[in-house]
Protein backbone atom coordinates (compact mmCIF):
# COMPACT_ATOMS: atom_id res chain seq x y z
CA MET A 1 0.24 0.03 -0.30
CA ALA A 2 1.34 3.09 -1.32
CA SER A 3 1.41 6.65 0.55
CA ASN A 4 0.05 9.87 -0.43
CA ALA A 5 3.72 11.09 -0.75
CA CYS A 6 6.20 10.26 -3.58
CA PHE A 7 10.19 10.26 -3.15
CA LEU A 8 11.52 12.46 -5.97
CA THR A 9 14.71 13.10 -6.89
CA ALA A 10 15.35 15.63 -10.07
CA ILE A 11 18.90 15.78 -11.58
CA TYR A 12 19.66 19.64 -13.20
CA THR A 13 21.54 22.62 -14.42
CA CYS A 14 21.45 25.60 -12.58
CA ALA A 15 22.74 28.82 -14.89
CA GLN A 16 22.92 31.62 -11.60
CA VAL A 17 23.80 35.25 -12.36
CA ARG A 18 26.23 36.17 -9.33
CA ARG A 19 27.67 39.94 -8.88
CA ASN A 20 31.62 39.98 -8.96
CA ASN A 21 33.29 42.90 -7.79
CA ARG A 22 36.61 41.93 -7.86
CA GLY A 23 39.11 44.00 -9.80
CA THR A 24 38.91 47.61 -10.83
CA GLY A 25 35.16 47.56 -11.79
CA ALA A 26 31.75 45.42 -10.72
CA SER A 27 30.72 42.74 -13.24
CA ASP A 28 28.21 40.26 -13.37
CA ILE A 29 29.10 36.41 -13.99
CA ILE A 30 27.41 33.35 -15.07
CA ASP A 31 27.87 30.72 -13.03
CA VAL A 32 26.68 27.00 -14.41
CA THR A 33 26.61 23.84 -12.17
CA ASP A 34 25.32 20.47 -12.39
CA ALA A 35 23.51 19.19 -9.13
CA SER A 36 20.88 16.21 -7.44
CA LEU A 37 18.46 17.15 -5.34
CA SER A 38 15.71 14.38 -3.52
CA VAL A 39 13.00 15.22 -1.45
CA ILE A 40 9.85 13.78 -0.35
CA VAL A 41 6.64 15.44 -1.41
CA PHE A 42 2.82 15.09 -0.10
CA SER A 43 0.33 15.54 -3.21
CA ALA A 44 -2.81 12.84 -4.05
CA SER A 45 0.02 11.72 -6.78
CA PRO A 46 2.74 11.68 -8.47
CA ASP A 47 2.33 14.24 -10.94
CA GLU A 48 0.88 16.81 -8.21
CA ALA A 49 4.22 16.14 -6.61
CA GLN A 50 6.46 16.28 -9.44
CA ARG A 51 4.51 19.90 -10.30
CA LEU A 52 5.02 21.21 -6.80
CA PHE A 53 8.52 19.59 -6.26
CA GLU A 54 9.61 21.63 -10.31
CA ASN A 55 7.94 25.03 -8.90
CA ALA A 56 10.03 24.67 -5.47
CA LEU A 57 12.98 24.38 -7.42
CA CYS A 58 12.95 27.02 -9.54
CA GLU A 59 11.28 29.45 -7.79
CA GLN A 60 13.45 32.95 -7.30
CA SER A 61 15.14 34.13 -4.26
CA PRO A 62 16.09 37.64 -4.64
CA GLU A 63 18.89 37.23 -2.58
CA GLU A 64 20.74 34.22 -4.32
CA GLY A 65 20.79 36.53 -7.56
CA ARG A 66 19.10 35.46 -10.70
CA LYS A 67 18.91 31.74 -11.80
CA GLU A 68 17.80 28.95 -14.59
CA ILE A 69 16.79 25.80 -13.76
CA THR A 70 17.13 22.99 -16.09
CA ILE A 71 15.22 19.50 -15.68
CA ARG A 72 16.99 16.48 -16.85
CA LYS A 73 15.66 13.95 -15.42
CA PHE A 74 12.44 13.57 -12.57
CA TYR A 75 12.96 10.02 -10.77
CA ALA A 76 10.09 9.45 -8.64
CA ALA A 77 9.73 6.04 -5.64
CA PRO A 78 6.73 5.52 -4.11
CA ILE A 79 6.00 5.39 -0.11
CA VAL A 80 4.86 2.64 1.85
CA GLY A 81 2.01 3.47 3.26
CA GLN A 82 2.87 2.42 6.64
CA LEU A 83 5.35 2.91 9.13
CA LEU A 84 6.84 -0.05 10.00
CA THR A 85 8.07 -0.19 14.25
CA GLU A 86 9.18 -2.86 16.10
CA SER A 87 5.86 -3.67 17.71
CA GLY A 88 4.09 -3.90 14.18
CA ASN A 89 2.80 -1.54 11.47
CA LEU A 90 1.15 1.80 12.17
CA ALA A 91 -0.64 4.22 9.56
CA LEU A 92 1.88 6.72 8.24
CA ALA A 93 0.40 9.66 10.27
CA TRP A 94 3.35 12.12 8.46
CA PRO A 95 2.65 14.99 10.78
CA LYS A 96 3.04 13.16 14.33
CA ILE A 97 6.09 11.66 12.39
CA LEU A 98 7.57 14.74 11.74
CA GLU A 99 7.05 16.08 15.17
CA ASN A 100 8.38 13.05 16.29
CA SER A 101 11.22 13.30 14.75
CA ASP A 102 12.55 16.63 15.08
CA ALA A 103 11.99 16.06 18.87
CA VAL A 104 14.73 13.29 18.67
CA LEU A 105 17.04 15.06 16.95
CA GLU A 106 16.85 18.11 19.41
CA SER A 107 17.56 15.10 22.17
CA THR A 108 20.46 14.00 20.29
CA PRO A 109 23.96 14.93 20.38
CA VAL A 110 25.05 15.85 17.22
CA ASP A 111 28.47 13.20 17.98
CA ASP A 112 26.22 10.72 18.85
CA PHE A 113 26.64 7.73 16.14
CA GLU A 114 24.13 5.11 18.18
CA GLN A 115 21.70 5.57 15.47
CA GLY A 116 24.03 3.54 13.39
CA TYR A 117 23.61 5.48 9.79
CA TRP A 118 26.69 4.33 9.79
CA VAL A 119 26.11 1.05 9.67
CA ASP A 120 26.38 -1.13 6.11
CA VAL A 121 23.53 -2.78 6.72
CA ASP A 122 23.71 -5.16 4.03
CA LYS A 123 26.34 -6.53 5.32
CA VAL A 124 25.48 -6.63 8.92
CA VAL A 125 21.70 -8.04 8.00
CA PRO A 126 22.39 -10.23 5.08
CA SER A 127 19.13 -11.35 3.25
CA HIS A 128 20.06 -14.87 3.20
CA ASN A 129 20.67 -14.94 7.19
CA VAL A 130 17.98 -13.16 8.83
CA SER A 131 17.34 -13.42 12.77
CA LEU A 132 13.85 -15.34 13.92
CA SER A 133 13.15 -11.73 16.24
CA VAL A 134 13.93 -8.34 17.59
CA GLY A 135 15.90 -9.60 20.85
CA THR A 136 18.26 -12.14 18.40
CA ILE A 137 19.60 -9.29 16.18
CA GLU A 138 22.65 -8.07 18.48
CA SER A 139 24.03 -11.40 18.96
CA ASN A 140 24.68 -12.03 14.98
CA VAL A 141 26.13 -8.71 14.44
CA PRO A 142 29.48 -8.48 14.37
CA ASP A 143 31.26 -6.59 17.61
CA ASP A 144 32.90 -2.97 16.61
CA VAL A 145 28.86 -2.85 15.46
CA ARG A 146 27.45 -4.12 18.10
CA SER A 147 29.01 -1.62 20.82
CA SER A 148 28.33 1.45 19.47
CA LEU A 149 24.53 0.77 18.37
CA ASN A 150 21.89 1.32 21.22
CA TRP A 151 19.98 -1.74 22.03
CA SER A 152 17.80 -0.03 24.42
CA GLY A 153 13.97 -0.90 22.69
CA ASN A 154 12.48 2.17 25.16
CA LYS A 155 14.78 4.80 22.54
CA GLN A 156 13.42 4.49 18.82
CA PHE A 157 15.30 6.35 15.76
CA PHE A 158 13.71 7.36 12.59
CA PHE A 159 15.12 5.82 8.94
CA LEU A 160 14.30 5.96 5.49
CA LEU A 161 14.76 2.61 3.65
CA LYS A 162 15.47 3.03 0.24
CA VAL A 163 15.03 -0.28 -1.57
CA LEU A 164 17.72 -0.10 -4.67
CA PRO A 165 16.79 -1.86 -7.82
CA LEU A 166 18.81 -5.15 -8.90
CA PRO A 167 21.48 -4.75 -11.50
CA PRO A 168 20.83 -5.24 -14.86
CA PRO A 169 22.79 -7.31 -16.35
CA PRO A 170 25.71 -6.79 -18.59
CA SER A 171 25.19 -6.53 -22.19
CA PRO A 172 27.34 -4.36 -24.97
CA PRO A 173 26.18 -0.90 -26.12
CA THR A 174 24.72 -1.27 -29.83
CA TYR A 175 25.51 1.30 -32.24
CA GLU A 176 22.57 3.12 -31.87
CA GLN A 177 23.56 4.23 -28.02
CA GLU A 178 27.14 4.55 -28.78
CA VAL A 179 25.70 7.11 -31.35
CA GLY A 180 23.10 8.45 -28.78
CA ASP A 181 25.68 8.98 -25.84
CA VAL A 182 28.08 10.85 -28.62
CA GLU A 183 25.09 12.87 -29.22
CA ASN A 184 24.38 13.46 -25.49
CA GLU A 185 27.34 14.48 -24.50
CA LEU A 186 27.87 17.10 -27.14
CA SER A 187 24.54 18.54 -26.16
CA GLY A 188 24.69 18.22 -22.11
CA GLU A 189 22.07 15.91 -21.56
CA PRO A 190 23.08 12.50 -19.68
CA THR A 191 24.13 9.44 -21.29
CA ALA A 192 22.83 6.08 -20.88
CA GLU A 193 25.80 4.61 -19.68
CA ASP A 194 24.84 8.43 -16.71
CA ILE A 195 21.70 7.03 -16.13
CA GLN A 196 21.90 3.51 -15.53
CA ALA A 197 24.79 4.62 -12.72
CA LEU A 198 22.00 7.19 -11.70
CA ASN A 199 19.18 3.61 -11.88
CA ALA A 200 21.54 1.80 -9.58
CA ILE A 201 21.99 4.10 -6.72
CA LEU A 202 17.59 5.57 -7.27
CA PRO A 203 14.98 3.48 -5.18
CA ASP A 204 12.74 1.50 -6.75
CA THR A 205 10.45 1.76 -3.13
CA VAL A 206 10.89 3.93 0.19
CA ALA A 207 9.66 2.55 3.61
CA VAL A 208 9.67 5.15 6.89
CA ILE A 209 10.76 2.87 9.72
CA GLN A 210 10.70 3.21 13.75
CA ALA A 211 13.32 1.46 15.21
CA ARG A 212 16.66 1.24 18.20
CA ASN A 213 19.18 1.50 15.33
CA SER A 214 20.10 1.17 11.84
CA VAL A 215 20.26 -2.73 11.99
CA ALA A 216 16.91 -3.53 13.87
CA ALA A 217 15.29 -1.14 10.65
CA ALA A 218 16.90 -2.95 7.98
CA TRP A 219 15.79 -6.64 10.17
CA LEU A 220 12.50 -4.99 10.08
CA TRP A 221 12.09 -4.60 6.22
CA ARG A 222 13.49 -8.17 5.58
């Protein structure tokens, strides 16, 4: 079940006019950069979410100077319509989640790493060897990882879990792809190789999880 929110990623080029006050006289220079941005957008449909995201991305700010945004690609991933927790799945109530997550951030020291955002959960919680319960996870985690994590069930954190697509089997490029890549390179558009690299890190599905640490969050998804 999907929620009324989308996880959107935009790949874009920003051409921005900046004031240059160096030298003998002031002048305007154009700064061109390629960038990407991922956000969660609340909307009744993916098309509406994309429109809202695009409008916000292209909004002009007097403090930053004039800018022109050229959106190269949009990617949208659905968000699972339930909050996954250690005690069961709950309705995805966004206002309450945002309020609770802000409270957790405010009460957690900046140098506190017990949430486990740094853990490579694919290695620590492999799909072929999943613990039977949340209570047995701790004993299966390597000592150097386990000792740095929070294991108290009374302390919970929020996680945004992104499920990446399986990598496609390698195939030799066709003549049409090679020609297209050259044309895209000349025009500034992403090549097929660029898009494949992006697809490898863009999620198919996104889930919101509340758990004692990232290892427990990955276990809940498994």
